[in-house]
Amino acid sequence: MDARQQHLLDAAITVLGTRGTRHLTHRAVDEQAALPAGSTSNRYRTREALLAGVLTRILDAETTGWNQLAAHLDHIAPDTFATALGTLVHHLTTTGRTLTLARLAIFTEAAHQPALQQQIAHRQQDLAAWATPLLAALGAQHPTTALRLLLALIDGLLNNQLANPDPTFDPTTTIATVLPAILNAQPA
């Protein structure tokens, strides 16, 4: 992905994360990116192509976040993991708020677009390949089940904090409290 493409997609993420999906237009992205009219449509002919590009950029950012999380797990233990994951979730609701809101908006769009669903499914497989061994190392009885539950917990924490911000939000405590049950969960 070249620098101009990244700039366009970052502008689109800003539009999505600050104004919502109804405002995501080629013109709005051009304005946000401070580029001449038509710049976005030259790169992304349709709204669907623009959404696919934005989703790729968001998923790349998520992969970077997960990789940074892994880099800080020198000694794998549930408390270390809970702290690192809590830090990531806190970041996603503060400094990364716009990106996270854009992610939520595009995931909602994906409910109606099979091509976006396929992109998400592919990246979730990549995440599972990395995360299930990590969860097994943490002591998960059934790492695939643990990953599904952990992702649901993270999404719930993000959604709640973004929809109703709490200045005392402490995801680490919640994650540390729930993590033992997740690691011991049985397949449904």
Protein backbone atom coordinates (compact mmCIF):
# COMPACT_ATOMS: atom_id res chain seq x y z
CA MET A 1 0.00 0.00 0.00
CA ASP A 2 1.57 3.28 -1.06
CA ALA A 3 1.62 6.46 1.04
CA ARG A 4 -1.16 8.19 -0.92
CA GLN A 5 -3.43 5.18 -0.55
CA GLN A 6 -2.73 5.07 3.19
CA HIS A 7 -3.48 8.79 3.42
CA LEU A 8 -6.84 8.32 1.66
CA LEU A 9 -7.78 5.35 3.82
CA ASP A 10 -6.76 7.13 7.01
CA ALA A 11 -8.96 10.04 5.95
CA ALA A 12 -11.82 7.62 5.31
CA ILE A 13 -11.29 6.11 8.77
CA THR A 14 -11.49 9.59 10.26
CA VAL A 15 -14.75 10.25 8.40
CA LEU A 16 -16.20 6.92 9.55
CA GLY A 17 -14.98 7.28 13.12
CA THR A 18 -16.11 10.87 13.58
CA ARG A 19 -19.21 11.13 11.41
CA GLY A 20 -20.45 7.57 10.74
CA THR A 21 -21.17 5.48 7.67
CA ARG A 22 -23.83 7.78 6.23
CA HIS A 23 -21.18 10.46 5.74
CA LEU A 24 -18.59 8.21 4.09
CA THR A 25 -18.49 9.53 0.55
CA HIS A 26 -15.69 9.99 -1.93
CA ARG A 27 -16.11 13.76 -1.59
CA ALA A 28 -15.95 13.65 2.22
CA VAL A 29 -12.74 11.60 2.07
CA ASP A 30 -11.21 14.02 -0.45
CA GLU A 31 -12.05 16.92 1.87
CA GLN A 32 -10.73 15.13 4.97
CA ALA A 33 -7.53 14.20 3.13
CA ALA A 34 -7.18 17.76 1.79
CA LEU A 35 -6.86 16.39 -1.74
CA PRO A 36 -8.45 17.54 -4.99
CA ALA A 37 -12.00 16.41 -5.72
CA GLY A 38 -11.98 13.05 -7.44
CA SER A 39 -8.81 11.76 -5.75
CA THR A 40 -10.65 9.08 -3.79
CA SER A 41 -12.86 7.98 -6.66
CA ASN A 42 -9.78 7.65 -8.90
CA ARG A 43 -8.36 5.10 -6.44
CA TYR A 44 -11.65 3.55 -5.26
CA ARG A 45 -14.28 3.67 -7.99
CA THR A 46 -17.20 2.49 -5.87
CA ARG A 47 -18.25 2.89 -2.28
CA GLU A 48 -17.85 -0.88 -1.89
CA ALA A 49 -14.24 -0.66 -3.06
CA LEU A 50 -13.63 2.19 -0.62
CA LEU A 51 -15.15 0.18 2.23
CA ALA A 52 -12.99 -2.83 1.34
CA GLY A 53 -9.90 -0.63 1.38
CA VAL A 54 -10.86 0.92 4.71
CA LEU A 55 -11.49 -2.52 6.19
CA THR A 56 -8.06 -3.68 5.05
CA ARG A 57 -6.46 -0.63 6.68
CA ILE A 58 -8.39 -1.18 9.93
CA LEU A 59 -7.54 -4.87 10.03
CA ASP A 60 -3.87 -4.03 9.40
CA ALA A 61 -4.00 -1.66 12.39
CA GLU A 62 -5.60 -4.40 14.52
CA THR A 63 -2.90 -6.85 13.50
CA THR A 64 -0.28 -4.30 14.51
CA GLY A 65 -2.02 -3.88 17.88
CA TRP A 66 -2.09 -7.62 18.51
CA ASN A 67 1.57 -7.91 17.49
CA GLN A 68 2.51 -5.10 19.89
CA LEU A 69 0.58 -6.91 22.61
CA ALA A 70 2.53 -10.09 21.92
CA ALA A 71 5.82 -8.21 22.03
CA HIS A 72 5.13 -7.17 25.64
CA LEU A 73 4.43 -10.67 26.87
CA ASP A 74 7.92 -11.67 27.96
CA HIS A 75 6.64 -14.03 30.63
CA ILE A 76 3.32 -15.50 29.68
CA ALA A 77 1.05 -15.54 32.68
CA PRO A 78 -2.64 -14.68 33.00
CA ASP A 79 -1.98 -11.54 35.06
CA THR A 80 0.63 -10.26 32.59
CA PHE A 81 -1.71 -11.01 29.71
CA ALA A 82 -4.66 -9.29 31.42
CA THR A 83 -2.57 -6.18 32.05
CA ALA A 84 -1.26 -6.03 28.47
CA LEU A 85 -4.72 -6.64 27.02
CA GLY A 86 -6.26 -4.06 29.36
CA THR A 87 -3.71 -1.51 28.17
CA LEU A 88 -4.60 -2.28 24.55
CA VAL A 89 -8.36 -1.97 25.20
CA HIS A 90 -7.83 1.31 27.07
CA HIS A 91 -5.80 2.63 24.14
CA LEU A 92 -8.55 1.63 21.69
CA THR A 93 -11.10 3.69 23.65
CA THR A 94 -8.92 6.77 24.11
CA THR A 95 -6.11 7.51 21.67
CA GLY A 96 -7.48 4.94 19.21
CA ARG A 97 -11.12 5.95 19.66
CA THR A 98 -11.67 7.16 16.07
CA LEU A 99 -10.17 3.97 14.63
CA THR A 100 -12.29 1.82 16.94
CA LEU A 101 -15.47 3.70 16.04
CA ALA A 102 -14.61 3.27 12.36
CA ARG A 103 -14.09 -0.45 12.98
CA LEU A 104 -17.52 -0.73 14.58
CA ALA A 105 -19.11 1.17 11.70
CA ILE A 106 -17.50 -0.98 9.03
CA PHE A 107 -18.29 -4.21 10.87
CA THR A 108 -21.93 -3.12 10.83
CA GLU A 109 -21.64 -2.54 7.07
CA ALA A 110 -20.15 -6.03 6.75
CA ALA A 111 -23.39 -7.52 8.02
CA HIS A 112 -24.84 -6.68 4.61
CA GLN A 113 -21.82 -7.22 2.38
CA PRO A 114 -20.47 -10.75 1.89
CA ALA A 115 -17.16 -9.49 0.46
CA LEU A 116 -16.44 -7.59 3.69
CA GLN A 117 -17.50 -10.62 5.72
CA GLN A 118 -14.93 -12.70 3.85
CA GLN A 119 -12.17 -10.18 4.61
CA ILE A 120 -13.06 -10.28 8.30
CA ALA A 121 -13.24 -14.09 8.36
CA HIS A 122 -9.81 -14.36 6.73
CA ARG A 123 -8.22 -12.03 9.30
CA GLN A 124 -9.95 -13.83 12.15
CA GLN A 125 -8.33 -17.05 10.93
CA ASP A 126 -4.95 -15.29 11.00
CA LEU A 127 -5.65 -14.05 14.53
CA ALA A 128 -6.73 -17.52 15.64
CA ALA A 129 -3.48 -19.02 14.29
CA TRP A 130 -1.54 -16.62 16.51
CA ALA A 131 -3.84 -16.40 19.53
CA THR A 132 -4.92 -20.00 20.14
CA PRO A 133 -1.36 -21.18 20.96
CA LEU A 134 -0.99 -18.16 23.25
CA LEU A 135 -4.20 -19.00 25.06
CA ALA A 136 -3.10 -22.64 25.33
CA ALA A 137 0.16 -21.42 26.90
CA LEU A 138 -1.94 -19.43 29.38
CA GLY A 139 -3.66 -22.68 30.35
CA ALA A 140 -6.82 -22.61 28.23
CA GLN A 141 -8.49 -26.02 28.21
CA HIS A 142 -10.05 -25.26 24.82
CA PRO A 143 -8.12 -22.40 23.19
CA THR A 144 -10.55 -21.92 20.29
CA THR A 145 -13.46 -21.48 22.69
CA ALA A 146 -11.33 -19.23 24.89
CA LEU A 147 -10.47 -17.02 21.92
CA ARG A 148 -14.11 -16.66 20.91
CA LEU A 149 -15.06 -15.66 24.46
CA LEU A 150 -12.09 -13.33 24.85
CA LEU A 151 -12.95 -11.50 21.62
CA ALA A 152 -16.57 -11.19 22.77
CA LEU A 153 -15.37 -9.70 26.06
CA ILE A 154 -13.11 -7.22 24.26
CA ASP A 155 -15.86 -6.19 21.85
CA GLY A 156 -18.28 -5.74 24.75
CA LEU A 157 -15.82 -3.60 26.69
CA LEU A 158 -15.12 -1.47 23.62
CA ASN A 159 -18.79 -1.05 22.71
CA ASN A 160 -19.83 -0.10 26.23
CA GLN A 161 -17.01 2.39 26.74
CA LEU A 162 -17.50 4.02 23.35
CA ALA A 163 -21.28 4.28 23.69
CA ASN A 164 -21.24 5.45 27.30
CA PRO A 165 -17.77 6.68 28.26
CA ASP A 166 -16.81 6.18 31.88
CA PRO A 167 -13.87 8.32 33.03
CA THR A 168 -12.91 5.60 35.52
CA PHE A 169 -12.87 2.85 32.86
CA ASP A 170 -10.44 0.10 33.89
CA PRO A 171 -10.56 -2.78 31.44
CA THR A 172 -7.64 -4.55 33.12
CA THR A 173 -9.66 -5.32 36.25
CA THR A 174 -12.55 -6.72 34.22
CA ILE A 175 -10.27 -8.78 32.00
CA ALA A 176 -8.32 -10.14 35.00
CA THR A 177 -11.59 -11.07 36.73
CA VAL A 178 -13.13 -12.84 33.73
CA LEU A 179 -9.97 -14.39 32.23
CA PRO A 180 -9.84 -17.45 34.56
CA ALA A 181 -13.40 -18.41 33.52
CA ILE A 182 -12.50 -17.91 29.84
CA LEU A 183 -9.42 -20.12 30.19
CA ASN A 184 -11.52 -22.85 31.82
CA ALA A 185 -14.49 -22.58 29.46
CA GLN A 186 -15.83 -25.68 27.78
CA PRO A 187 -16.94 -25.70 24.13
CA ALA A 188 -20.61 -24.79 23.71
